[in-house]
Amino acid sequence: ELSKAYTNKEIAEDVEAFTKLKESVEKY
């Protein structure tokens, strides 16, 4: 459960970061 929480948090942070540099990292 804790691992899921960390995973969900990581995914959320990545989504936010990808939005800032969408053109450069969209394919990744």
mmCIF file of all heavy atoms, coordinates in Angstrom:
data_MODEL
# 
_entry.id   MODEL 
# 
loop_
_atom_site.group_PDB 
_atom_site.id 
_atom_site.type_symbol 
_atom_site.label_atom_id 
_atom_site.label_alt_id 
_atom_site.label_comp_id 
_atom_site.label_asym_id 
_atom_site.label_entity_id 
_atom_site.label_seq_id 
_atom_site.pdbx_PDB_ins_code 
_atom_site.Cartn_x 
_atom_site.Cartn_y 
_atom_site.Cartn_z 
_atom_site.occupancy 
_atom_site.B_iso_or_equiv 
_atom_site.pdbx_formal_charge 
_atom_site.auth_seq_id 
_atom_site.auth_comp_id 
_atom_site.auth_asym_id 
_atom_site.auth_atom_id 
_atom_site.pdbx_PDB_model_num 
ATOM 1   N N   . GLU A 1 1  ? 0.829  -1.203 0.000   1.00 0.00 ? 1  GLU A N   1 
ATOM 2   C CA  . GLU A 1 1  ? 0.000  0.000  0.000   1.00 0.00 ? 1  GLU A CA  1 
ATOM 3   C C   . GLU A 1 1  ? 0.863  1.252  0.000   1.00 0.00 ? 1  GLU A C   1 
ATOM 4   O O   . GLU A 1 1  ? 0.571  2.224  -0.702  1.00 0.00 ? 1  GLU A O   1 
ATOM 5   C CB  . GLU A 1 1  ? -0.936 -0.005 1.226   1.00 0.00 ? 1  GLU A CB  1 
ATOM 6   C CG  . GLU A 1 1  ? -2.029 -1.047 1.155   1.00 0.00 ? 1  GLU A CG  1 
ATOM 7   C CD  . GLU A 1 1  ? -2.904 -0.896 -0.085  1.00 0.00 ? 1  GLU A CD  1 
ATOM 8   O OE1 . GLU A 1 1  ? -3.278 0.254  -0.411  1.00 0.00 ? 1  GLU A OE1 1 
ATOM 9   O OE2 . GLU A 1 1  ? -3.189 -1.910 -0.735  1.00 0.00 ? 1  GLU A OE2 1 
ATOM 10  N N   . LEU A 1 2  ? 1.930  1.240  0.810   1.00 0.00 ? 2  LEU A N   1 
ATOM 11  C CA  . LEU A 1 2  ? 2.828  2.382  0.852   1.00 0.00 ? 2  LEU A CA  1 
ATOM 12  C C   . LEU A 1 2  ? 3.532  2.547  -0.490  1.00 0.00 ? 2  LEU A C   1 
ATOM 13  O O   . LEU A 1 2  ? 3.729  3.669  -0.979  1.00 0.00 ? 2  LEU A O   1 
ATOM 14  C CB  . LEU A 1 2  ? 3.857  2.188  1.972   1.00 0.00 ? 2  LEU A CB  1 
ATOM 15  C CG  . LEU A 1 2  ? 4.726  3.402  2.321   1.00 0.00 ? 2  LEU A CG  1 
ATOM 16  C CD1 . LEU A 1 2  ? 3.870  4.604  2.682   1.00 0.00 ? 2  LEU A CD1 1 
ATOM 17  C CD2 . LEU A 1 2  ? 5.669  3.056  3.463   1.00 0.00 ? 2  LEU A CD2 1 
ATOM 18  N N   . SER A 1 3  ? 3.892  1.408  -1.074  1.00 0.00 ? 3  SER A N   1 
ATOM 19  C CA  . SER A 1 3  ? 4.524  1.441  -2.387  1.00 0.00 ? 3  SER A CA  1 
ATOM 20  C C   . SER A 1 3  ? 3.580  2.038  -3.430  1.00 0.00 ? 3  SER A C   1 
ATOM 21  O O   . SER A 1 3  ? 3.995  2.814  -4.296  1.00 0.00 ? 3  SER A O   1 
ATOM 22  C CB  . SER A 1 3  ? 4.934  0.023  -2.791  1.00 0.00 ? 3  SER A CB  1 
ATOM 23  O OG  . SER A 1 3  ? 5.547  0.021  -4.061  1.00 0.00 ? 3  SER A OG  1 
ATOM 24  N N   . LYS A 1 4  ? 2.307  1.679  -3.340  1.00 0.00 ? 4  LYS A N   1 
ATOM 25  C CA  . LYS A 1 4  ? 1.310  2.255  -4.260  1.00 0.00 ? 4  LYS A CA  1 
ATOM 26  C C   . LYS A 1 4  ? 1.238  3.767  -4.098  1.00 0.00 ? 4  LYS A C   1 
ATOM 27  O O   . LYS A 1 4  ? 1.134  4.518  -5.073  1.00 0.00 ? 4  LYS A O   1 
ATOM 28  C CB  . LYS A 1 4  ? -0.060 1.634  -4.005  1.00 0.00 ? 4  LYS A CB  1 
ATOM 29  C CG  . LYS A 1 4  ? -0.232 0.236  -4.558  1.00 0.00 ? 4  LYS A CG  1 
ATOM 30  C CD  . LYS A 1 4  ? -1.652 -0.249 -4.313  1.00 0.00 ? 4  LYS A CD  1 
ATOM 31  C CE  . LYS A 1 4  ? -1.859 -1.654 -4.882  1.00 0.00 ? 4  LYS A CE  1 
ATOM 32  N NZ  . LYS A 1 4  ? -3.240 -2.134 -4.641  1.00 0.00 ? 4  LYS A NZ  1 
ATOM 33  N N   . ALA A 1 5  ? 1.291  4.215  -2.843  1.00 0.00 ? 5  ALA A N   1 
ATOM 34  C CA  . ALA A 1 5  ? 1.217  5.651  -2.580  1.00 0.00 ? 5  ALA A CA  1 
ATOM 35  C C   . ALA A 1 5  ? 2.414  6.364  -3.197  1.00 0.00 ? 5  ALA A C   1 
ATOM 36  O O   . ALA A 1 5  ? 2.273  7.414  -3.842  1.00 0.00 ? 5  ALA A O   1 
ATOM 37  C CB  . ALA A 1 5  ? 1.161  5.902  -1.070  1.00 0.00 ? 5  ALA A CB  1 
ATOM 38  N N   . TYR A 1 6  ? 3.604  5.791  -2.998  1.00 0.00 ? 6  TYR A N   1 
ATOM 39  C CA  . TYR A 1 6  ? 4.796  6.385  -3.592  1.00 0.00 ? 6  TYR A CA  1 
ATOM 40  C C   . TYR A 1 6  ? 4.715  6.361  -5.123  1.00 0.00 ? 6  TYR A C   1 
ATOM 41  O O   . TYR A 1 6  ? 5.112  7.312  -5.797  1.00 0.00 ? 6  TYR A O   1 
ATOM 42  C CB  . TYR A 1 6  ? 6.048  5.627  -3.140  1.00 0.00 ? 6  TYR A CB  1 
ATOM 43  C CG  . TYR A 1 6  ? 6.491  5.943  -1.735  1.00 0.00 ? 6  TYR A CG  1 
ATOM 44  C CD1 . TYR A 1 6  ? 6.735  4.923  -0.819  1.00 0.00 ? 6  TYR A CD1 1 
ATOM 45  C CD2 . TYR A 1 6  ? 6.672  7.253  -1.309  1.00 0.00 ? 6  TYR A CD2 1 
ATOM 46  C CE1 . TYR A 1 6  ? 7.140  5.203  0.476   1.00 0.00 ? 6  TYR A CE1 1 
ATOM 47  C CE2 . TYR A 1 6  ? 7.081  7.544  -0.024  1.00 0.00 ? 6  TYR A CE2 1 
ATOM 48  C CZ  . TYR A 1 6  ? 7.326  6.516  0.869   1.00 0.00 ? 6  TYR A CZ  1 
ATOM 49  O OH  . TYR A 1 6  ? 7.729  6.793  2.138   1.00 0.00 ? 6  TYR A OH  1 
ATOM 50  N N   . THR A 1 7  ? 4.202  5.242  -5.656  1.00 0.00 ? 7  THR A N   1 
ATOM 51  C CA  . THR A 1 7  ? 4.072  5.134  -7.107  1.00 0.00 ? 7  THR A CA  1 
ATOM 52  C C   . THR A 1 7  ? 3.109  6.182  -7.653  1.00 0.00 ? 7  THR A C   1 
ATOM 53  O O   . THR A 1 7  ? 3.392  6.860  -8.651  1.00 0.00 ? 7  THR A O   1 
ATOM 54  C CB  . THR A 1 7  ? 3.582  3.719  -7.483  1.00 0.00 ? 7  THR A CB  1 
ATOM 55  O OG1 . THR A 1 7  ? 4.553  2.760  -7.062  1.00 0.00 ? 7  THR A OG1 1 
ATOM 56  C CG2 . THR A 1 7  ? 3.381  3.591  -8.986  1.00 0.00 ? 7  THR A CG2 1 
ATOM 57  N N   . ASN A 1 8  ? 1.958  6.329  -7.011  1.00 0.00 ? 8  ASN A N   1 
ATOM 58  C CA  . ASN A 1 8  ? 0.976  7.319  -7.452  1.00 0.00 ? 8  ASN A CA  1 
ATOM 59  C C   . ASN A 1 8  ? 1.543  8.740  -7.350  1.00 0.00 ? 8  ASN A C   1 
ATOM 60  O O   . ASN A 1 8  ? 1.301  9.589  -8.213  1.00 0.00 ? 8  ASN A O   1 
ATOM 61  C CB  . ASN A 1 8  ? -0.292 7.200  -6.618  1.00 0.00 ? 8  ASN A CB  1 
ATOM 62  C CG  . ASN A 1 8  ? -1.032 5.903  -6.887  1.00 0.00 ? 8  ASN A CG  1 
ATOM 63  O OD1 . ASN A 1 8  ? -0.889 5.317  -7.958  1.00 0.00 ? 8  ASN A OD1 1 
ATOM 64  N ND2 . ASN A 1 8  ? -1.802 5.436  -5.925  1.00 0.00 ? 8  ASN A ND2 1 
ATOM 65  N N   . LYS A 1 9  ? 2.307  8.981  -6.284  1.00 0.00 ? 9  LYS A N   1 
ATOM 66  C CA  . LYS A 1 9  ? 2.925  10.292 -6.103  1.00 0.00 ? 9  LYS A CA  1 
ATOM 67  C C   . LYS A 1 9  ? 3.950  10.545 -7.197  1.00 0.00 ? 9  LYS A C   1 
ATOM 68  O O   . LYS A 1 9  ? 4.009  11.645 -7.771  1.00 0.00 ? 9  LYS A O   1 
ATOM 69  C CB  . LYS A 1 9  ? 3.589  10.365 -4.730  1.00 0.00 ? 9  LYS A CB  1 
ATOM 70  C CG  . LYS A 1 9  ? 4.249  11.705 -4.410  1.00 0.00 ? 9  LYS A CG  1 
ATOM 71  C CD  . LYS A 1 9  ? 4.757  11.694 -2.976  1.00 0.00 ? 9  LYS A CD  1 
ATOM 72  C CE  . LYS A 1 9  ? 5.421  13.019 -2.618  1.00 0.00 ? 9  LYS A CE  1 
ATOM 73  N NZ  . LYS A 1 9  ? 6.666  13.231 -3.360  1.00 0.00 ? 9  LYS A NZ  1 
ATOM 74  N N   . GLU A 1 10 ? 4.745  9.526  -7.499  1.00 0.00 ? 10 GLU A N   1 
ATOM 75  C CA  . GLU A 1 10 ? 5.750  9.676  -8.542  1.00 0.00 ? 10 GLU A CA  1 
ATOM 76  C C   . GLU A 1 10 ? 5.097  9.932  -9.895  1.00 0.00 ? 10 GLU A C   1 
ATOM 77  O O   . GLU A 1 10 ? 5.547  10.794 -10.658 1.00 0.00 ? 10 GLU A O   1 
ATOM 78  C CB  . GLU A 1 10 ? 6.620  8.414  -8.603  1.00 0.00 ? 10 GLU A CB  1 
ATOM 79  C CG  . GLU A 1 10 ? 7.646  8.398  -9.707  1.00 0.00 ? 10 GLU A CG  1 
ATOM 80  C CD  . GLU A 1 10 ? 8.814  9.339  -9.450  1.00 0.00 ? 10 GLU A CD  1 
ATOM 81  O OE1 . GLU A 1 10 ? 8.856  9.918  -8.349  1.00 0.00 ? 10 GLU A OE1 1 
ATOM 82  O OE2 . GLU A 1 10 ? 9.651  9.491  -10.348 1.00 0.00 ? 10 GLU A OE2 1 
ATOM 83  N N   . ILE A 1 11 ? 4.043  9.196  -10.197 1.00 0.00 ? 11 ILE A N   1 
ATOM 84  C CA  . ILE A 1 11 ? 3.340  9.391  -11.469 1.00 0.00 ? 11 ILE A CA  1 
ATOM 85  C C   . ILE A 1 11 ? 2.785  10.805 -11.559 1.00 0.00 ? 11 ILE A C   1 
ATOM 86  O O   . ILE A 1 11 ? 2.895  11.479 -12.587 1.00 0.00 ? 11 ILE A O   1 
ATOM 87  C CB  . ILE A 1 11 ? 2.223  8.345  -11.626 1.00 0.00 ? 11 ILE A CB  1 
ATOM 88  C CG1 . ILE A 1 11 ? 2.827  6.945  -11.809 1.00 0.00 ? 11 ILE A CG1 1 
ATOM 89  C CG2 . ILE A 1 11 ? 1.334  8.674  -12.824 1.00 0.00 ? 11 ILE A CG2 1 
ATOM 90  C CD1 . ILE A 1 11 ? 1.802  5.834  -11.828 1.00 0.00 ? 11 ILE A CD1 1 
ATOM 91  N N   . ALA A 1 12 ? 2.193  11.274 -10.450 1.00 0.00 ? 12 ALA A N   1 
ATOM 92  C CA  . ALA A 1 12 ? 1.621  12.623 -10.439 1.00 0.00 ? 12 ALA A CA  1 
ATOM 93  C C   . ALA A 1 12 ? 2.695  13.682 -10.681 1.00 0.00 ? 12 ALA A C   1 
ATOM 94  O O   . ALA A 1 12 ? 2.493  14.638 -11.444 1.00 0.00 ? 12 ALA A O   1 
ATOM 95  C CB  . ALA A 1 12 ? 0.919  12.868 -9.107  1.00 0.00 ? 12 ALA A CB  1 
ATOM 96  N N   . GLU A 1 13 ? 3.851  13.517 -10.028 1.00 0.00 ? 13 GLU A N   1 
ATOM 97  C CA  . GLU A 1 13 ? 4.935  14.481 -10.209 1.00 0.00 ? 13 GLU A CA  1 
ATOM 98  C C   . GLU A 1 13 ? 5.475  14.442 -11.631 1.00 0.00 ? 13 GLU A C   1 
ATOM 99  O O   . GLU A 1 13 ? 5.811  15.488 -12.201 1.00 0.00 ? 13 GLU A O   1 
ATOM 100 C CB  . GLU A 1 13 ? 6.056  14.192 -9.208  1.00 0.00 ? 13 GLU A CB  1 
ATOM 101 C CG  . GLU A 1 13 ? 5.681  14.516 -7.770  1.00 0.00 ? 13 GLU A CG  1 
ATOM 102 C CD  . GLU A 1 13 ? 6.817  14.228 -6.808  1.00 0.00 ? 13 GLU A CD  1 
ATOM 103 O OE1 . GLU A 1 13 ? 7.814  13.603 -7.253  1.00 0.00 ? 13 GLU A OE1 1 
ATOM 104 O OE2 . GLU A 1 13 ? 6.707  14.609 -5.631  1.00 0.00 ? 13 GLU A OE2 1 
ATOM 105 N N   . ASP A 1 14 ? 5.558  13.239 -12.177 1.00 0.00 ? 14 ASP A N   1 
ATOM 106 C CA  . ASP A 1 14 ? 6.046  13.123 -13.545 1.00 0.00 ? 14 ASP A CA  1 
ATOM 107 C C   . ASP A 1 14 ? 5.091  13.783 -14.544 1.00 0.00 ? 14 ASP A C   1 
ATOM 108 O O   . ASP A 1 14 ? 5.516  14.452 -15.488 1.00 0.00 ? 14 ASP A O   1 
ATOM 109 C CB  . ASP A 1 14 ? 6.241  11.657 -13.915 1.00 0.00 ? 14 ASP A CB  1 
ATOM 110 C CG  . ASP A 1 14 ? 7.385  11.017 -13.149 1.00 0.00 ? 14 ASP A CG  1 
ATOM 111 O OD1 . ASP A 1 14 ? 8.216  11.772 -12.601 1.00 0.00 ? 14 ASP A OD1 1 
ATOM 112 O OD2 . ASP A 1 14 ? 7.436  9.782  -13.087 1.00 0.00 ? 14 ASP A OD2 1 
ATOM 113 N N   . VAL A 1 15 ? 3.796  13.587 -14.317 1.00 0.00 ? 15 VAL A N   1 
ATOM 114 C CA  . VAL A 1 15 ? 2.807  14.202 -15.211 1.00 0.00 ? 15 VAL A CA  1 
ATOM 115 C C   . VAL A 1 15 ? 2.949  15.726 -15.191 1.00 0.00 ? 15 VAL A C   1 
ATOM 116 O O   . VAL A 1 15 ? 2.920  16.393 -16.227 1.00 0.00 ? 15 VAL A O   1 
ATOM 117 C CB  . VAL A 1 15 ? 1.386  13.774 -14.800 1.00 0.00 ? 15 VAL A CB  1 
ATOM 118 C CG1 . VAL A 1 15 ? 0.345  14.591 -15.562 1.00 0.00 ? 15 VAL A CG1 1 
ATOM 119 C CG2 . VAL A 1 15 ? 1.179  12.292 -15.079 1.00 0.00 ? 15 VAL A CG2 1 
ATOM 120 N N   . GLU A 1 16 ? 3.123  16.260 -13.970 1.00 0.00 ? 16 GLU A N   1 
ATOM 121 C CA  . GLU A 1 16 ? 3.285  17.718 -13.833 1.00 0.00 ? 16 GLU A CA  1 
ATOM 122 C C   . GLU A 1 16 ? 4.532  18.206 -14.557 1.00 0.00 ? 16 GLU A C   1 
ATOM 123 O O   . GLU A 1 16 ? 4.521  19.216 -15.259 1.00 0.00 ? 16 GLU A O   1 
ATOM 124 C CB  . GLU A 1 16 ? 3.365  18.084 -12.355 1.00 0.00 ? 16 GLU A CB  1 
ATOM 125 C CG  . GLU A 1 16 ? 3.536  19.576 -12.116 1.00 0.00 ? 16 GLU A CG  1 
ATOM 126 C CD  . GLU A 1 16 ? 3.677  19.899 -10.649 1.00 0.00 ? 16 GLU A CD  1 
ATOM 127 O OE1 . GLU A 1 16 ? 3.583  18.981 -9.810  1.00 0.00 ? 16 GLU A OE1 1 
ATOM 128 O OE2 . GLU A 1 16 ? 3.910  21.078 -10.331 1.00 0.00 ? 16 GLU A OE2 1 
ATOM 129 N N   . ALA A 1 17 ? 5.642  17.441 -14.384 1.00 0.00 ? 17 ALA A N   1 
ATOM 130 C CA  . ALA A 1 17 ? 6.895  17.841 -15.014 1.00 0.00 ? 17 ALA A CA  1 
ATOM 131 C C   . ALA A 1 17 ? 6.820  17.704 -16.533 1.00 0.00 ? 17 ALA A C   1 
ATOM 132 O O   . ALA A 1 17 ? 7.318  18.557 -17.273 1.00 0.00 ? 17 ALA A O   1 
ATOM 133 C CB  . ALA A 1 17 ? 8.038  17.000 -14.468 1.00 0.00 ? 17 ALA A CB  1 
ATOM 134 N N   . PHE A 1 18 ? 6.165  16.631 -16.995 1.00 0.00 ? 18 PHE A N   1 
ATOM 135 C CA  . PHE A 1 18 ? 6.041  16.443 -18.444 1.00 0.00 ? 18 PHE A CA  1 
ATOM 136 C C   . PHE A 1 18 ? 5.232  17.569 -19.089 1.00 0.00 ? 18 PHE A C   1 
ATOM 137 O O   . PHE A 1 18 ? 5.484  17.954 -20.233 1.00 0.00 ? 18 PHE A O   1 
ATOM 138 C CB  . PHE A 1 18 ? 5.365  15.103 -18.739 1.00 0.00 ? 18 PHE A CB  1 
ATOM 139 C CG  . PHE A 1 18 ? 6.310  13.944 -18.770 1.00 0.00 ? 18 PHE A CG  1 
ATOM 140 C CD1 . PHE A 1 18 ? 6.144  12.879 -17.898 1.00 0.00 ? 18 PHE A CD1 1 
ATOM 141 C CD2 . PHE A 1 18 ? 7.363  13.913 -19.658 1.00 0.00 ? 18 PHE A CD2 1 
ATOM 142 C CE1 . PHE A 1 18 ? 7.012  11.804 -17.924 1.00 0.00 ? 18 PHE A CE1 1 
ATOM 143 C CE2 . PHE A 1 18 ? 8.240  12.843 -19.694 1.00 0.00 ? 18 PHE A CE2 1 
ATOM 144 C CZ  . PHE A 1 18 ? 8.074  11.788 -18.818 1.00 0.00 ? 18 PHE A CZ  1 
ATOM 145 N N   . THR A 1 19 ? 4.277  18.079 -18.357 1.00 0.00 ? 19 THR A N   1 
ATOM 146 C CA  . THR A 1 19 ? 3.449  19.153 -18.902 1.00 0.00 ? 19 THR A CA  1 
ATOM 147 C C   . THR A 1 19 ? 4.288  20.393 -19.187 1.00 0.00 ? 19 THR A C   1 
ATOM 148 O O   . THR A 1 19 ? 4.075  21.076 -20.197 1.00 0.00 ? 19 THR A O   1 
ATOM 149 C CB  . THR A 1 19 ? 2.318  19.485 -17.915 1.00 0.00 ? 19 THR A CB  1 
ATOM 150 O OG1 . THR A 1 19 ? 1.546  18.310 -17.672 1.00 0.00 ? 19 THR A OG1 1 
ATOM 151 C CG2 . THR A 1 19 ? 1.412  20.569 -18.468 1.00 0.00 ? 19 THR A CG2 1 
ATOM 152 N N   . LYS A 1 20 ? 5.276  20.688 -18.313 1.00 0.00 ? 20 LYS A N   1 
ATOM 153 C CA  . LYS A 1 20 ? 6.125  21.873 -18.468 1.00 0.00 ? 20 LYS A CA  1 
ATOM 154 C C   . LYS A 1 20 ? 6.998  21.792 -19.713 1.00 0.00 ? 20 LYS A C   1 
ATOM 155 O O   . LYS A 1 20 ? 7.312  22.777 -20.342 1.00 0.00 ? 20 LYS A O   1 
ATOM 156 C CB  . LYS A 1 20 ? 7.002  22.032 -17.229 1.00 0.00 ? 20 LYS A CB  1 
ATOM 157 C CG  . LYS A 1 20 ? 6.229  22.318 -15.952 1.00 0.00 ? 20 LYS A CG  1 
ATOM 158 C CD  . LYS A 1 20 ? 7.171  22.399 -14.751 1.00 0.00 ? 20 LYS A CD  1 
ATOM 159 C CE  . LYS A 1 20 ? 6.403  22.617 -13.465 1.00 0.00 ? 20 LYS A CE  1 
ATOM 160 N NZ  . LYS A 1 20 ? 7.301  22.677 -12.278 1.00 0.00 ? 20 LYS A NZ  1 
ATOM 161 N N   . LEU A 1 21 ? 7.438  20.614 -20.054 1.00 0.00 ? 21 LEU A N   1 
ATOM 162 C CA  . LEU A 1 21 ? 8.338  20.453 -21.198 1.00 0.00 ? 21 LEU A CA  1 
ATOM 163 C C   . LEU A 1 21 ? 7.761  19.455 -22.197 1.00 0.00 ? 21 LEU A C   1 
ATOM 164 O O   . LEU A 1 21 ? 8.421  18.541 -22.664 1.00 0.00 ? 21 LEU A O   1 
ATOM 165 C CB  . LEU A 1 21 ? 9.716  19.984 -20.724 1.00 0.00 ? 21 LEU A CB  1 
ATOM 166 C CG  . LEU A 1 21 ? 10.475 20.959 -19.828 1.00 0.00 ? 21 LEU A CG  1 
ATOM 167 C CD1 . LEU A 1 21 ? 11.745 20.308 -19.308 1.00 0.00 ? 21 LEU A CD1 1 
ATOM 168 C CD2 . LEU A 1 21 ? 10.827 22.235 -20.571 1.00 0.00 ? 21 LEU A CD2 1 
ATOM 169 N N   . LYS A 1 22 ? 6.501  19.637 -22.517 1.00 0.00 ? 22 LYS A N   1 
ATOM 170 C CA  . LYS A 1 22 ? 5.754  18.664 -23.308 1.00 0.00 ? 22 LYS A CA  1 
ATOM 171 C C   . LYS A 1 22 ? 6.400  18.402 -24.660 1.00 0.00 ? 22 LYS A C   1 
ATOM 172 O O   . LYS A 1 22 ? 6.513  17.256 -25.098 1.00 0.00 ? 22 LYS A O   1 
ATOM 173 C CB  . LYS A 1 22 ? 4.328  19.156 -23.496 1.00 0.00 ? 22 LYS A CB  1 
ATOM 174 C CG  . LYS A 1 22 ? 3.430  18.170 -24.223 1.00 0.00 ? 22 LYS A CG  1 
ATOM 175 C CD  . LYS A 1 22 ? 2.007  18.696 -24.302 1.00 0.00 ? 22 LYS A CD  1 
ATOM 176 C CE  . LYS A 1 22 ? 1.102  17.711 -25.027 1.00 0.00 ? 22 LYS A CE  1 
ATOM 177 N NZ  . LYS A 1 22 ? -0.289 18.208 -25.120 1.00 0.00 ? 22 LYS A NZ  1 
ATOM 178 N N   . GLU A 1 23 ? 6.819  19.446 -25.373 1.00 0.00 ? 23 GLU A N   1 
ATOM 179 C CA  . GLU A 1 23 ? 7.366  19.275 -26.713 1.00 0.00 ? 23 GLU A CA  1 
ATOM 180 C C   . GLU A 1 23 ? 8.619  18.408 -26.706 1.00 0.00 ? 23 GLU A C   1 
ATOM 181 O O   . GLU A 1 23 ? 8.835  17.609 -27.616 1.00 0.00 ? 23 GLU A O   1 
ATOM 182 C CB  . GLU A 1 23 ? 7.680  20.640 -27.321 1.00 0.00 ? 23 GLU A CB  1 
ATOM 183 C CG  . GLU A 1 23 ? 6.454  21.451 -27.676 1.00 0.00 ? 23 GLU A CG  1 
ATOM 184 C CD  . GLU A 1 23 ? 6.824  22.750 -28.369 1.00 0.00 ? 23 GLU A CD  1 
ATOM 185 O OE1 . GLU A 1 23 ? 8.037  22.957 -28.611 1.00 0.00 ? 23 GLU A OE1 1 
ATOM 186 O OE2 . GLU A 1 23 ? 5.921  23.537 -28.677 1.00 0.00 ? 23 GLU A OE2 1 
ATOM 187 N N   . SER A 1 24 ? 9.443  18.568 -25.655 1.00 0.00 ? 24 SER A N   1 
ATOM 188 C CA  . SER A 1 24 ? 10.720 17.866 -25.621 1.00 0.00 ? 24 SER A CA  1 
ATOM 189 C C   . SER A 1 24 ? 10.610 16.424 -25.167 1.00 0.00 ? 24 SER A C   1 
ATOM 190 O O   . SER A 1 24 ? 11.381 15.569 -25.575 1.00 0.00 ? 24 SER A O   1 
ATOM 191 C CB  . SER A 1 24 ? 11.701 18.609 -24.692 1.00 0.00 ? 24 SER A CB  1 
ATOM 192 O OG  . SER A 1 24 ? 11.927 19.906 -25.158 1.00 0.00 ? 24 SER A OG  1 
ATOM 193 N N   . VAL A 1 25 ? 9.630  16.164 -24.285 1.00 0.00 ? 25 VAL A N   1 
ATOM 194 C CA  . VAL A 1 25 ? 9.601  14.836 -23.659 1.00 0.00 ? 25 VAL A CA  1 
ATOM 195 C C   . VAL A 1 25 ? 8.335  14.040 -23.961 1.00 0.00 ? 25 VAL A C   1 
ATOM 196 O O   . VAL A 1 25 ? 8.100  12.999 -23.366 1.00 0.00 ? 25 VAL A O   1 
ATOM 197 C CB  . VAL A 1 25 ? 9.751  14.978 -22.130 1.00 0.00 ? 25 VAL A CB  1 
ATOM 198 C CG1 . VAL A 1 25 ? 11.043 15.615 -21.769 1.00 0.00 ? 25 VAL A CG1 1 
ATOM 199 C CG2 . VAL A 1 25 ? 8.577  15.765 -21.539 1.00 0.00 ? 25 VAL A CG2 1 
ATOM 200 N N   . GLU A 1 26 ? 7.538  14.515 -24.885 1.00 0.00 ? 26 GLU A N   1 
ATOM 201 C CA  . GLU A 1 26 ? 6.265  13.861 -25.160 1.00 0.00 ? 26 GLU A CA  1 
ATOM 202 C C   . GLU A 1 26 ? 6.434  12.392 -25.552 1.00 0.00 ? 26 GLU A C   1 
ATOM 203 O O   . GLU A 1 26 ? 5.679  11.510 -25.122 1.00 0.00 ? 26 GLU A O   1 
ATOM 204 C CB  . GLU A 1 26 ? 5.546  14.616 -26.288 1.00 0.00 ? 26 GLU A CB  1 
ATOM 205 C CG  . GLU A 1 26 ? 4.108  14.188 -26.509 1.00 0.00 ? 26 GLU A CG  1 
ATOM 206 C CD  . GLU A 1 26 ? 3.414  15.114 -27.501 1.00 0.00 ? 26 GLU A CD  1 
ATOM 207 O OE1 . GLU A 1 26 ? 4.026  15.457 -28.523 1.00 0.00 ? 26 GLU A OE1 1 
ATOM 208 O OE2 . GLU A 1 26 ? 2.277  15.494 -27.235 1.00 0.00 ? 26 GLU A OE2 1 
ATOM 209 N N   . LYS A 1 27 ? 7.458  12.086 -26.317 1.00 0.00 ? 27 LYS A N   1 
ATOM 210 C CA  . LYS A 1 27 ? 7.644  10.718 -26.792 1.00 0.00 ? 27 LYS A CA  1 
ATOM 211 C C   . LYS A 1 27 ? 8.111  9.777  -25.679 1.00 0.00 ? 27 LYS A C   1 
ATOM 212 O O   . LYS A 1 27 ? 8.041  8.555  -25.813 1.00 0.00 ? 27 LYS A O   1 
ATOM 213 C CB  . LYS A 1 27 ? 8.646  10.689 -27.941 1.00 0.00 ? 27 LYS A CB  1 
ATOM 214 C CG  . LYS A 1 27 ? 10.033 11.169 -27.586 1.00 0.00 ? 27 LYS A CG  1 
ATOM 215 C CD  . LYS A 1 27 ? 10.941 11.107 -28.795 1.00 0.00 ? 27 LYS A CD  1 
ATOM 216 C CE  . LYS A 1 27 ? 12.350 11.600 -28.477 1.00 0.00 ? 27 LYS A CE  1 
ATOM 217 N NZ  . LYS A 1 27 ? 13.246 11.531 -29.646 1.00 0.00 ? 27 LYS A NZ  1 
ATOM 218 N N   . TYR A 1 28 ? 8.602  10.371 -24.541 1.00 0.00 ? 28 TYR A N   1 
ATOM 219 C CA  . TYR A 1 28 ? 9.075  9.529  -23.445 1.00 0.00 ? 28 TYR A CA  1 
ATOM 220 C C   . TYR A 1 28 ? 8.021  9.313  -22.369 1.00 0.00 ? 28 TYR A C   1 
ATOM 221 O O   . TYR A 1 28 ? 8.189  8.479  -21.484 1.00 0.00 ? 28 TYR A O   1 
ATOM 222 C CB  . TYR A 1 28 ? 10.302 10.165 -22.782 1.00 0.00 ? 28 TYR A CB  1 
ATOM 223 C CG  . TYR A 1 28 ? 11.458 10.364 -23.705 1.00 0.00 ? 28 TYR A CG  1 
ATOM 224 C CD1 . TYR A 1 28 ? 11.815 11.641 -24.137 1.00 0.00 ? 28 TYR A CD1 1 
ATOM 225 C CD2 . TYR A 1 28 ? 12.197 9.283  -24.154 1.00 0.00 ? 28 TYR A CD2 1 
ATOM 226 C CE1 . TYR A 1 28 ? 12.883 11.829 -24.993 1.00 0.00 ? 28 TYR A CE1 1 
ATOM 227 C CE2 . TYR A 1 28 ? 13.266 9.468  -25.007 1.00 0.00 ? 28 TYR A CE2 1 
ATOM 228 C CZ  . TYR A 1 28 ? 13.609 10.737 -25.432 1.00 0.00 ? 28 TYR A CZ  1 
ATOM 229 O OH  . TYR A 1 28 ? 14.655 10.897 -26.280 1.00 0.00 ? 28 TYR A OH  1 
# 
